[in-house]
N, C-alpha and C. Protein backbone atom coordinates (compact mmCIF):
# COMPACT_ATOMS: atom_id res chain seq x y z
N PRO A 1 106.98 134.15 107.01
CA PRO A 1 107.15 132.59 107.97
C PRO A 1 106.28 131.40 107.35
N VAL A 2 106.22 131.75 106.27
CA VAL A 2 105.74 130.30 105.04
C VAL A 2 107.03 129.13 105.78
N LEU A 3 108.06 129.77 104.93
CA LEU A 3 109.32 129.64 105.02
C LEU A 3 109.96 128.94 106.11
N VAL A 4 110.12 130.17 107.26
CA VAL A 4 110.66 129.46 108.68
C VAL A 4 109.99 128.71 108.69
N THR A 5 108.43 128.45 108.85
CA THR A 5 107.48 127.82 109.46
C THR A 5 108.03 126.09 108.93
N GLY A 6 107.72 126.50 107.51
CA GLY A 6 108.56 124.60 106.29
C GLY A 6 109.13 124.62 107.45
N LEU A 7 110.61 124.90 107.46
CA LEU A 7 112.09 124.50 108.06
C LEU A 7 111.89 123.83 109.15
N LEU A 8 110.66 125.00 109.96
CA LEU A 8 111.48 124.33 111.79
C LEU A 8 110.59 123.44 111.64
N SER A 9 109.54 123.57 111.02
CA SER A 9 108.44 121.93 110.93
C SER A 9 109.57 120.63 110.93
N VAL A 10 109.83 120.91 109.67
CA VAL A 10 110.39 119.60 108.71
C VAL A 10 112.12 119.38 110.03
N LEU A 11 112.96 120.55 110.34
CA LEU A 11 113.53 119.61 110.70
C LEU A 11 113.40 119.16 112.80
N SER A 12 112.78 119.63 113.38
CA SER A 12 111.89 119.41 113.95
C SER A 12 110.55 117.89 113.96
N ALA A 13 110.58 117.40 113.24
CA ALA A 13 109.90 115.92 112.63
C ALA A 13 111.13 115.46 112.41
N LEU A 14 111.90 115.45 111.69
CA LEU A 14 113.05 114.97 111.46
C LEU A 14 113.99 114.12 112.35
N VAL A 15 114.24 115.59 113.54
CA VAL A 15 115.16 114.87 114.44
C VAL A 15 113.68 114.06 115.54
N VAL A 16 113.13 114.37 115.57
CA VAL A 16 111.75 113.52 116.80
C VAL A 16 111.47 112.47 116.03
N GLY A 17 111.20 111.78 114.87
CA GLY A 17 111.37 111.42 113.80
C GLY A 17 111.84 109.73 113.83
N THR A 18 113.57 110.50 113.57
CA THR A 18 114.21 109.66 113.21
C THR A 18 115.13 109.37 114.90
N VAL A 19 115.04 109.52 115.54
CA VAL A 19 114.93 109.21 117.21
C VAL A 19 113.64 107.92 117.65
N ILE A 20 112.51 108.03 117.12
CA ILE A 20 112.34 107.27 117.12
C ILE A 20 112.26 105.91 116.58
N GLY A 21 112.25 106.30 115.06
CA GLY A 21 112.04 105.16 114.24
C GLY A 21 113.56 104.52 114.91
N THR A 22 114.38 105.06 114.90
CA THR A 22 115.92 104.74 115.61
C THR A 22 115.90 103.45 116.37
N MET A 23 115.38 104.08 117.63
CA MET A 23 115.20 103.23 118.87
C MET A 23 114.62 101.78 118.17
N ALA A 24 112.95 101.99 118.25
CA ALA A 24 112.11 101.14 117.54
C ALA A 24 112.46 99.92 116.63
N ALA A 25 113.68 100.27 115.62
CA ALA A 25 114.55 99.72 114.86
C ALA A 25 114.79 98.58 115.54
N TYR A 26 116.54 98.99 116.84
CA TYR A 26 117.15 98.93 117.32
C TYR A 26 116.68 97.56 118.25
N ARG A 27 116.00 98.17 119.66
CA ARG A 27 115.77 98.13 120.24
C ARG A 27 114.62 96.54 120.38
N ARG A 28 113.84 96.82 119.45
CA ARG A 28 113.23 95.46 118.88
C ARG A 28 111.75 95.63 120.03
N GLY A 29 111.48 94.65 119.96
CA GLY A 29 110.45 93.80 121.35
C GLY A 29 109.26 94.99 121.55
N TRP A 30 108.87 95.38 122.90
CA TRP A 30 108.00 96.30 123.29
C TRP A 30 108.01 97.13 122.68
N LEU A 31 109.33 97.77 123.04
CA LEU A 31 109.32 99.22 122.02
C LEU A 31 108.89 99.34 121.27
N ASP A 32 109.64 98.73 120.31
CA ASP A 32 109.09 98.58 118.99
C ASP A 32 107.83 98.50 118.42
N ASP A 33 107.10 97.56 119.52
CA ASP A 33 105.08 97.32 118.88
C ASP A 33 104.57 98.90 119.77
N LEU A 34 104.65 99.46 120.89
CA LEU A 34 104.31 100.52 120.89
C LEU A 34 104.72 102.05 120.47
N LEU A 35 106.08 102.10 119.91
CA LEU A 35 105.82 103.45 119.67
C LEU A 35 105.52 103.06 117.72
N MET A 36 105.45 102.00 117.28
CA MET A 36 105.35 101.64 115.91
C MET A 36 103.31 101.61 115.44
N ARG A 37 103.04 101.52 117.07
CA ARG A 37 101.56 101.17 117.08
C ARG A 37 101.15 102.72 116.62
N ALA A 38 102.05 103.48 117.73
CA ALA A 38 101.33 105.02 117.81
C ALA A 38 101.22 105.73 117.04
N MET A 39 102.52 105.37 116.09
CA MET A 39 102.61 106.02 114.61
C MET A 39 101.83 105.60 113.99
N ASP A 40 101.78 104.34 113.80
CA ASP A 40 100.04 103.86 113.16
C ASP A 40 98.68 104.57 113.30
N ILE A 41 98.23 105.01 114.97
CA ILE A 41 97.31 105.30 115.13
C ILE A 41 97.95 107.63 114.30
N MET A 42 98.95 107.93 114.77
CA MET A 42 99.19 109.02 114.02
C MET A 42 98.69 108.86 112.40
N LEU A 43 99.32 107.73 111.88
CA LEU A 43 99.13 108.00 109.94
C LEU A 43 97.36 107.71 109.87
N SER A 44 96.86 107.02 110.92
CA SER A 44 95.53 107.14 110.12
C SER A 44 94.38 108.36 110.00
N PHE A 45 95.36 109.36 110.51
CA PHE A 45 94.20 110.54 109.95
C PHE A 45 95.10 111.03 109.05
N PRO A 46 94.77 111.90 108.44
CA PRO A 46 95.56 112.72 107.06
C PRO A 46 95.80 113.71 107.67
N ALA A 47 97.51 113.96 107.49
CA ALA A 47 97.86 114.82 108.55
C ALA A 47 98.08 116.31 107.75
N ILE A 48 96.94 117.30 107.28
CA ILE A 48 96.76 118.11 107.67
C ILE A 48 95.21 118.08 108.14
N LEU A 49 94.61 117.34 108.71
CA LEU A 49 93.65 117.15 109.74
C LEU A 49 94.19 117.21 111.05
N LEU A 50 95.49 116.44 111.38
CA LEU A 50 95.88 116.21 112.57
C LEU A 50 96.96 117.28 112.64
N ALA A 51 97.09 118.23 112.08
CA ALA A 51 97.91 119.27 112.19
C ALA A 51 96.73 120.46 112.63
N ILE A 52 95.13 120.60 111.73
CA ILE A 52 94.16 120.94 111.90
C ILE A 52 93.93 120.84 113.84
N LEU A 53 93.58 119.73 113.96
CA LEU A 53 93.18 119.14 115.77
C LEU A 53 94.63 119.82 116.71
N VAL A 54 95.66 119.18 115.80
CA VAL A 54 96.74 120.57 117.07
C VAL A 54 96.69 122.19 117.39
N VAL A 55 96.31 122.17 116.24
CA VAL A 55 96.59 123.58 116.17
C VAL A 55 94.94 124.36 116.67
N ALA A 56 94.08 123.38 116.62
CA ALA A 56 92.53 123.96 117.35
C ALA A 56 93.09 123.93 118.65
N ALA A 57 93.74 122.44 119.78
CA ALA A 57 93.79 121.96 121.09
C ALA A 57 95.02 122.96 121.25
N LEU A 58 96.00 123.43 120.60
CA LEU A 58 96.55 124.90 121.47
C LEU A 58 96.66 126.26 121.17
N GLY A 59 96.09 126.47 120.09
CA GLY A 59 95.54 127.75 119.84
C GLY A 59 96.60 128.25 118.78
N VAL A 60 96.48 129.69 117.74
CA VAL A 60 97.22 130.12 116.36
C VAL A 60 98.43 130.46 116.75
N GLY A 61 99.23 131.10 115.69
CA GLY A 61 100.65 131.31 116.45
C GLY A 61 101.49 130.83 115.60
N LEU A 62 102.93 131.29 115.31
CA LEU A 62 103.96 130.49 114.01
C LEU A 62 103.93 129.52 115.49
N THR A 63 104.53 129.76 116.30
CA THR A 63 105.28 128.94 117.70
C THR A 63 104.09 127.22 117.12
N ASN A 64 102.71 127.15 117.79
CA ASN A 64 101.94 126.42 117.70
C ASN A 64 101.76 125.56 116.21
N THR A 65 102.17 126.90 115.42
CA THR A 65 101.84 126.27 113.92
C THR A 65 102.77 125.31 113.76
N VAL A 66 104.28 125.59 114.23
CA VAL A 66 105.45 124.69 114.06
C VAL A 66 105.22 123.39 113.97
N ILE A 67 104.18 123.26 115.73
CA ILE A 67 104.61 122.78 116.20
C ILE A 67 103.85 121.05 115.78
N ALA A 68 102.35 121.73 115.37
CA ALA A 68 101.28 121.26 114.33
C ALA A 68 102.15 120.23 113.07
N VAL A 69 102.23 121.80 112.59
CA VAL A 69 102.96 120.91 110.57
C VAL A 69 104.30 119.81 111.51
N SER A 70 104.85 119.79 112.50
CA SER A 70 106.02 118.71 112.51
C SER A 70 104.94 117.76 113.38
N PHE A 71 104.61 118.00 114.16
CA PHE A 71 103.50 116.49 114.80
C PHE A 71 102.94 116.05 113.83
N SER A 72 102.62 116.18 113.01
CA SER A 72 101.80 115.49 112.13
C SER A 72 102.72 114.88 110.73
N MET A 73 103.89 114.84 110.72
CA MET A 73 105.28 114.61 109.74
C MET A 73 105.59 113.66 110.26
N VAL A 74 106.08 113.75 111.81
CA VAL A 74 106.69 112.40 112.54
C VAL A 74 106.24 111.44 112.50
N PRO A 75 105.20 110.88 112.03
CA PRO A 75 105.77 109.19 111.80
C PRO A 75 106.36 108.47 110.18
N THR A 76 106.18 110.16 109.27
CA THR A 76 106.52 109.57 108.05
C THR A 76 108.21 109.26 108.20
N PHE A 77 108.86 110.40 108.99
CA PHE A 77 110.55 110.33 109.10
C PHE A 77 110.54 108.74 110.53
N ALA A 78 109.64 108.67 110.92
CA ALA A 78 109.64 106.93 112.46
C ALA A 78 109.93 105.96 111.11
N ARG A 79 108.56 105.81 110.03
CA ARG A 79 108.36 104.84 109.49
C ARG A 79 110.01 105.18 109.06
N LEU A 80 111.04 106.10 108.15
CA LEU A 80 111.32 105.54 107.22
C LEU A 80 112.69 105.69 107.79
N ALA A 81 112.99 105.21 108.87
CA ALA A 81 114.30 105.75 109.61
C ALA A 81 113.58 103.56 109.92
N ARG A 82 113.15 103.61 110.76
CA ARG A 82 112.75 101.77 111.14
C ARG A 82 113.32 101.07 110.05
N SER A 83 112.46 101.87 109.28
CA SER A 83 112.82 100.71 107.63
C SER A 83 114.52 100.54 107.48
N ILE A 84 114.87 101.47 107.72
CA ILE A 84 116.55 101.38 107.31
C ILE A 84 117.39 100.67 108.29
N VAL A 85 117.18 101.48 109.60
CA VAL A 85 117.99 100.63 110.34
C VAL A 85 117.59 99.32 110.55
N LEU A 86 116.41 98.38 110.11
CA LEU A 86 116.30 96.89 110.08
C LEU A 86 116.97 96.46 108.94
N THR A 87 117.19 97.34 108.24
CA THR A 87 118.33 96.45 107.32
C THR A 87 120.14 96.55 107.40
N LEU A 88 120.44 98.08 108.11
CA LEU A 88 121.76 98.42 108.70
C LEU A 88 121.88 97.32 109.59
N VAL A 89 121.08 96.90 110.79
CA VAL A 89 121.31 96.25 111.73
C VAL A 89 121.46 94.67 111.65
N HIS A 90 121.82 94.40 110.18
CA HIS A 90 122.12 93.28 109.93
C HIS A 90 122.88 93.37 108.93
N GLU A 91 124.00 94.13 108.85
CA GLU A 91 124.95 94.53 107.81
C GLU A 91 126.38 93.83 108.78
N GLN A 92 127.60 93.62 108.68
CA GLN A 92 128.21 93.20 108.91
C GLN A 92 129.45 93.45 109.43
N TYR A 93 129.42 95.60 109.08
CA TYR A 93 130.65 96.09 109.95
C TYR A 93 129.32 96.52 111.27
N VAL A 94 127.87 96.28 111.08
CA VAL A 94 127.12 96.50 112.67
C VAL A 94 127.13 95.02 113.45
N LEU A 95 127.08 94.12 112.83
CA LEU A 95 127.79 92.93 113.25
C LEU A 95 128.64 92.60 113.82
N ALA A 96 130.19 93.31 113.51
CA ALA A 96 131.14 92.94 113.49
C ALA A 96 131.66 93.78 114.93
N SER A 97 131.11 95.27 115.49
CA SER A 97 131.43 95.81 116.01
C SER A 97 130.16 95.68 117.50
N GLN A 98 129.33 95.20 117.06
CA GLN A 98 128.31 94.36 118.47
C GLN A 98 129.29 92.77 118.94
N SER A 99 129.76 92.23 118.20
CA SER A 99 130.56 91.26 118.69
C SER A 99 131.82 91.53 119.14
N VAL A 100 132.45 92.28 119.08
CA VAL A 100 133.63 92.94 119.79
C VAL A 100 133.13 94.27 121.22
N GLY A 101 131.98 94.30 121.45
CA GLY A 101 131.27 94.87 122.26
C GLY A 101 131.45 96.33 122.60
N ALA A 102 130.53 96.64 121.40
CA ALA A 102 131.35 97.93 120.97
C ALA A 102 129.61 98.75 121.80
N PRO A 103 129.91 99.89 122.57
CA PRO A 103 129.27 100.48 123.12
C PRO A 103 127.85 100.77 122.03
N GLU A 104 126.49 101.11 122.35
CA GLU A 104 125.63 101.43 121.68
C GLU A 104 125.41 102.70 121.04
N SER A 105 126.06 103.63 121.89
CA SER A 105 126.17 104.59 121.49
C SER A 105 127.36 105.07 119.99
N PHE A 106 128.17 104.16 119.83
CA PHE A 106 129.20 104.16 119.18
C PHE A 106 129.02 103.85 118.10
N ILE A 107 128.21 102.65 118.15
CA ILE A 107 127.57 101.42 116.86
C ILE A 107 126.33 102.68 115.92
N LEU A 108 125.91 103.35 116.98
CA LEU A 108 124.49 104.25 116.39
C LEU A 108 125.19 105.70 115.43
N LEU A 109 126.46 106.04 116.61
CA LEU A 109 126.45 107.04 115.34
C LEU A 109 127.78 107.32 114.82
N ARG A 110 128.38 105.88 114.38
CA ARG A 110 129.59 105.77 113.94
C ARG A 110 128.61 104.47 112.79
N HIS A 111 127.86 104.01 112.46
CA HIS A 111 127.89 102.99 111.55
C HIS A 111 126.54 103.66 110.89
N ILE A 112 125.16 104.19 111.76
CA ILE A 112 123.99 103.84 111.50
C ILE A 112 123.70 105.03 110.93
N LEU A 113 124.13 106.33 111.68
CA LEU A 113 123.51 107.01 111.35
C LEU A 113 124.41 107.69 110.07
N PRO A 114 125.30 107.81 109.79
CA PRO A 114 126.28 107.83 108.75
C PRO A 114 125.28 107.85 107.73
N ASN A 115 125.04 106.04 107.35
CA ASN A 115 124.16 105.18 106.18
C ASN A 115 122.61 105.80 106.04
N LEU A 116 121.83 106.48 107.44
CA LEU A 116 120.77 106.93 108.04
C LEU A 116 120.46 108.10 106.76
N THR A 117 121.53 109.29 106.77
CA THR A 117 121.25 110.55 106.59
C THR A 117 120.72 110.22 105.71
N PRO A 118 121.93 110.11 104.38
CA PRO A 118 121.19 110.17 102.97
C PRO A 118 119.96 110.25 102.52
N PRO A 119 119.19 109.03 102.83
CA PRO A 119 117.71 109.36 102.19
C PRO A 119 116.64 109.83 103.26
N LEU A 120 117.39 110.39 104.36
CA LEU A 120 116.52 110.85 105.39
C LEU A 120 116.37 112.23 104.64
N ILE A 121 117.55 112.69 103.75
CA ILE A 121 117.84 114.18 103.51
C ILE A 121 116.54 114.76 102.75
N VAL A 122 116.95 113.60 101.35
CA VAL A 122 116.10 113.53 100.01
C VAL A 122 114.41 113.23 101.35
N GLN A 123 114.05 113.13 101.73
CA GLN A 123 113.07 112.35 102.34
C GLN A 123 112.06 114.43 103.00
N ALA A 124 113.41 114.18 103.91
CA ALA A 124 113.37 115.70 104.49
C ALA A 124 112.71 116.74 103.28
N THR A 125 113.56 116.71 102.25
CA THR A 125 113.19 118.44 101.06
C THR A 125 111.92 118.22 100.13
N ALA A 126 111.24 116.67 100.17
CA ALA A 126 110.19 116.77 100.01
C ALA A 126 108.75 117.02 101.03
N MET A 127 109.85 116.50 102.50
CA MET A 127 107.74 116.57 103.13
C MET A 127 108.40 118.27 103.49
N LEU A 128 109.37 119.10 102.99
CA LEU A 128 109.39 120.24 102.99
C LEU A 128 108.81 121.04 102.16
N ALA A 129 108.51 120.58 101.10
CA ALA A 129 107.20 121.33 100.27
C ALA A 129 106.20 121.27 100.92
N ILE A 130 105.63 120.39 101.71
CA ILE A 130 104.14 119.99 102.59
C ILE A 130 103.92 120.70 103.29
N ALA A 131 105.22 120.58 104.13
CA ALA A 131 105.15 121.49 105.02
C ALA A 131 104.64 123.03 105.00
N ILE A 132 105.64 123.83 103.83
CA ILE A 132 105.09 125.27 103.37
C ILE A 132 103.68 124.90 102.85
N SER A 133 102.90 123.92 102.39
CA SER A 133 101.34 123.57 101.68
C SER A 133 100.84 123.84 103.01
N TYR A 134 101.07 122.85 103.74
CA TYR A 134 100.61 123.24 105.09
C TYR A 134 100.59 124.76 105.92
N ALA A 135 101.59 124.88 106.58
CA ALA A 135 101.63 125.79 106.86
C ALA A 135 100.81 127.02 106.04
N SER A 136 100.81 126.95 104.95
CA SER A 136 99.65 128.22 103.78
C SER A 136 98.46 128.02 104.58
N ALA A 137 98.02 126.35 103.81
CA ALA A 137 96.82 126.73 104.25
C ALA A 137 95.54 126.54 105.31
N LEU A 138 97.14 126.12 106.31
CA LEU A 138 96.44 126.47 107.73
C LEU A 138 96.42 128.49 107.88
N SER A 139 97.29 128.86 107.90
CA SER A 139 96.57 130.28 107.48
C SER A 139 95.85 130.92 106.53
N PHE A 140 95.48 130.12 105.93
CA PHE A 140 94.43 130.60 104.55
C PHE A 140 93.42 130.32 105.45
N LEU A 141 92.58 129.53 106.37
CA LEU A 141 91.86 129.20 107.00
C LEU A 141 91.52 129.74 108.38
N GLY A 142 93.17 130.35 109.10
CA GLY A 142 92.42 131.33 110.19
C GLY A 142 93.53 130.50 111.15
N LEU A 143 93.63 129.55 111.10
CA LEU A 143 94.93 128.95 112.02
C LEU A 143 96.44 128.90 112.02
N GLY A 144 97.07 129.51 111.25
CA GLY A 144 98.24 129.84 111.46
C GLY A 144 98.52 131.21 112.33
N VAL A 145 99.29 132.34 110.87
CA VAL A 145 100.43 133.01 111.97
C VAL A 145 98.47 134.35 112.07
N GLU A 146 99.18 135.27 112.92
CA GLU A 146 98.10 136.23 113.28
C GLU A 146 98.93 137.28 112.79
N PRO A 147 97.66 138.67 112.20
CA PRO A 147 98.25 139.54 111.10
C PRO A 147 98.32 140.09 112.74
N PRO A 148 99.37 140.60 112.34
CA PRO A 148 100.19 141.66 111.00
C PRO A 148 101.08 141.03 110.59
N THR A 149 101.75 139.74 111.12
CA THR A 149 102.55 139.31 110.57
C THR A 149 101.98 138.89 108.82
N PRO A 150 103.62 138.87 108.44
CA PRO A 150 103.03 138.88 106.73
C PRO A 150 103.22 137.34 106.78
N ASP A 151 101.74 136.80 105.96
CA ASP A 151 102.11 135.47 105.62
C ASP A 151 101.38 135.06 104.57
N TRP A 152 102.10 134.67 103.19
CA TRP A 152 101.16 134.21 102.47
C TRP A 152 100.30 133.27 102.02
N GLY A 153 99.39 132.74 102.91
CA GLY A 153 98.31 131.72 103.13
C GLY A 153 97.06 132.80 103.57
N LEU A 154 97.98 133.95 104.68
CA LEU A 154 96.85 134.84 104.65
C LEU A 154 96.35 136.24 103.81
N MET A 155 97.66 136.41 103.33
CA MET A 155 97.07 137.29 102.15
C MET A 155 96.62 136.73 101.11
N VAL A 156 96.38 135.33 100.92
CA VAL A 156 95.42 134.33 99.91
C VAL A 156 93.89 134.48 100.44
N SER A 157 94.09 134.49 102.07
CA SER A 157 92.54 134.53 102.58
C SER A 157 91.97 135.80 101.93
N GLU A 158 92.74 137.10 102.85
CA GLU A 158 92.17 138.12 103.11
C GLU A 158 92.06 138.85 101.42
N GLY A 159 92.67 138.41 100.28
CA GLY A 159 92.76 138.63 99.14
C GLY A 159 91.19 138.29 98.03
N GLN A 160 91.49 137.00 98.61
CA GLN A 160 90.42 135.90 97.81
C GLN A 160 88.63 136.72 97.90
N ARG A 161 88.13 137.70 98.70
CA ARG A 161 86.95 138.62 98.72
C ARG A 161 87.18 139.34 97.17
N LEU A 162 88.13 140.30 97.55
CA LEU A 162 88.63 140.40 96.53
C LEU A 162 88.96 140.00 94.61
N ILE A 163 88.78 139.10 94.68
CA ILE A 163 89.49 138.39 93.06
C ILE A 163 89.17 138.42 92.00
N PHE A 164 87.29 139.63 92.13
CA PHE A 164 87.23 139.74 91.22
C PHE A 164 87.07 140.87 90.51
N ASP A 165 87.42 141.99 91.40
CA ASP A 165 87.71 143.05 91.24
C ASP A 165 89.24 143.89 91.64
N ALA A 166 90.31 142.90 91.90
CA ALA A 166 91.74 143.04 91.90
C ALA A 166 92.32 141.67 92.21
N ILE A 167 92.49 141.49 90.47
CA ILE A 167 92.90 139.89 90.75
C ILE A 167 94.14 139.96 91.60
N TRP A 168 95.04 139.99 91.24
CA TRP A 168 96.25 140.06 91.60
C TRP A 168 96.96 140.28 93.16
N ILE A 169 95.94 140.75 94.21
CA ILE A 169 95.69 140.78 95.48
C ILE A 169 96.25 139.16 95.79
N PRO A 170 94.95 138.52 95.78
CA PRO A 170 95.59 137.05 95.89
C PRO A 170 96.53 136.47 94.93
N PHE A 171 96.57 136.45 93.86
CA PHE A 171 97.13 135.54 92.75
C PHE A 171 98.37 135.95 93.41
N PHE A 172 99.29 136.90 93.32
CA PHE A 172 100.91 136.71 93.21
C PHE A 172 100.82 136.69 95.12
N PRO A 173 100.71 136.37 95.87
CA PRO A 173 100.79 135.55 97.12
C PRO A 173 100.52 133.58 96.50
N GLY A 174 99.08 133.49 95.95
CA GLY A 174 99.60 131.52 95.60
C GLY A 174 100.64 131.73 94.49
N LEU A 175 100.94 132.33 93.32
CA LEU A 175 102.00 132.07 92.89
C LEU A 175 103.08 131.80 93.96
N ALA A 176 103.80 132.50 94.31
CA ALA A 176 104.61 132.77 95.48
C ALA A 176 104.96 131.14 96.06
N ILE A 177 103.77 130.61 96.58
CA ILE A 177 103.25 129.35 97.30
C ILE A 177 103.65 128.63 96.46
N THR A 178 103.07 128.32 95.07
CA THR A 178 103.14 127.22 93.87
C THR A 178 104.73 127.26 93.11
N LEU A 179 105.19 128.57 93.19
CA LEU A 179 106.73 128.38 93.03
C LEU A 179 107.56 128.06 93.65
N THR A 180 107.67 128.22 95.05
CA THR A 180 108.35 127.65 95.75
C THR A 180 108.16 126.23 96.49
N VAL A 181 106.51 125.85 96.36
CA VAL A 181 106.84 124.69 96.57
C VAL A 181 107.02 123.43 95.25
N LEU A 182 107.38 124.28 93.95
CA LEU A 182 107.85 123.45 92.71
C LEU A 182 109.61 123.39 92.87
N SER A 183 109.55 124.85 93.50
CA SER A 183 111.58 124.85 93.79
C SER A 183 111.69 123.79 94.59
N VAL A 184 111.29 123.18 95.71
CA VAL A 184 111.60 122.59 96.60
C VAL A 184 111.71 120.93 96.06
N ASN A 185 110.34 120.71 95.38
CA ASN A 185 110.44 119.55 94.93
C ASN A 185 111.48 119.51 93.74
N TYR A 186 112.21 120.23 93.14
CA TYR A 186 113.29 120.44 91.94
C TYR A 186 114.66 119.73 93.22
N LEU A 187 114.22 120.71 93.58
CA LEU A 187 115.52 120.42 94.63
C LEU A 187 115.74 118.88 94.71
N GLY A 188 114.23 118.41 95.99
CA GLY A 188 114.67 116.98 96.19
C GLY A 188 114.56 116.29 95.11
N ASP A 189 114.35 115.81 94.09
CA ASP A 189 114.77 115.47 93.50
C ASP A 189 116.49 115.46 93.02
N GLY A 190 116.58 116.54 92.82
CA GLY A 190 118.38 116.71 92.49
C GLY A 190 118.88 116.27 93.56
N LEU A 191 118.10 116.31 94.86
CA LEU A 191 119.54 115.99 95.90
C LEU A 191 119.40 114.17 95.82
N ARG A 192 117.57 113.36 95.53
CA ARG A 192 117.87 112.02 95.53
C ARG A 192 118.69 111.72 94.22
N ASP A 193 118.91 112.00 93.30
CA ASP A 193 119.78 111.55 92.00
C ASP A 193 121.01 112.04 92.55
N HIS A 194 121.66 112.78 93.16
CA HIS A 194 122.63 113.26 93.72
C HIS A 194 123.48 111.85 95.08
N LEU A 195 122.31 111.79 95.73
CA LEU A 195 122.97 110.92 96.37
C LEU A 195 122.30 109.27 96.38
N ASP A 196 121.79 108.78 95.73
CA ASP A 196 121.82 107.52 95.36
C ASP A 196 122.67 107.02 94.31
N PRO A 197 123.82 106.59 95.03
CA PRO A 197 124.36 105.85 94.02
C PRO A 197 124.29 105.10 92.30
N ARG A 198 122.76 104.29 92.48
CA ARG A 198 121.91 103.77 91.63
C ARG A 198 121.89 104.60 90.80
N LEU A 199 120.89 105.91 90.80
CA LEU A 199 120.21 106.92 89.88
C LEU A 199 121.73 107.50 89.65
N ARG A 200 123.71 107.56 90.34
CA ARG A 200 124.30 108.62 89.86
C ARG A 200 124.53 108.19 88.58
N ASN A 201 125.02 106.75 88.90
CA ASN A 201 125.89 105.91 87.70
C ASN A 201 125.34 105.63 86.83
N ARG A 202 124.11 105.51 86.55
CA ARG A 202 123.49 105.82 85.11
C ARG A 202 123.86 106.22 84.18
């Protein structure tokens, strides 16, 4: 469930954040101000605290955990997407498409989205490690999935009372969380090196 929660949370936050950031940067004006102020308010809270508040409001369970974790990560993707699109809209190929009257949907799908995807993929792998950590933390606090659903964070929580008698009970779930997070981080570094032409050509 930790891996499923992390993947679903990152995917949801990626889609929602990309849409918000792209629309804010492409439309500008009042829409940009409104959306970015909302993202600023969300960023003013620590992400794990925001996730805890959402779970406290919605209740425990796998679905609500996914909603809570993804909600806390939306501003990160929105800010990244906006910063990239603000640069892309001034590129010559985008201006040329606008000058010949190409529809907005064509410009977004043909020119903006392909150039937006690589950095978002790299960011998504980094956020996946964070999402797994948050999902485990929520389960550890009793705000994630419910028994009898197997979950590493829940195993650590239930095994902590046995730490002096049978240390392996909480140790191995904690080790699994640590190794998973490290593996995802290494995956993100590899994707960054592969997708960034400046690093690939060194």
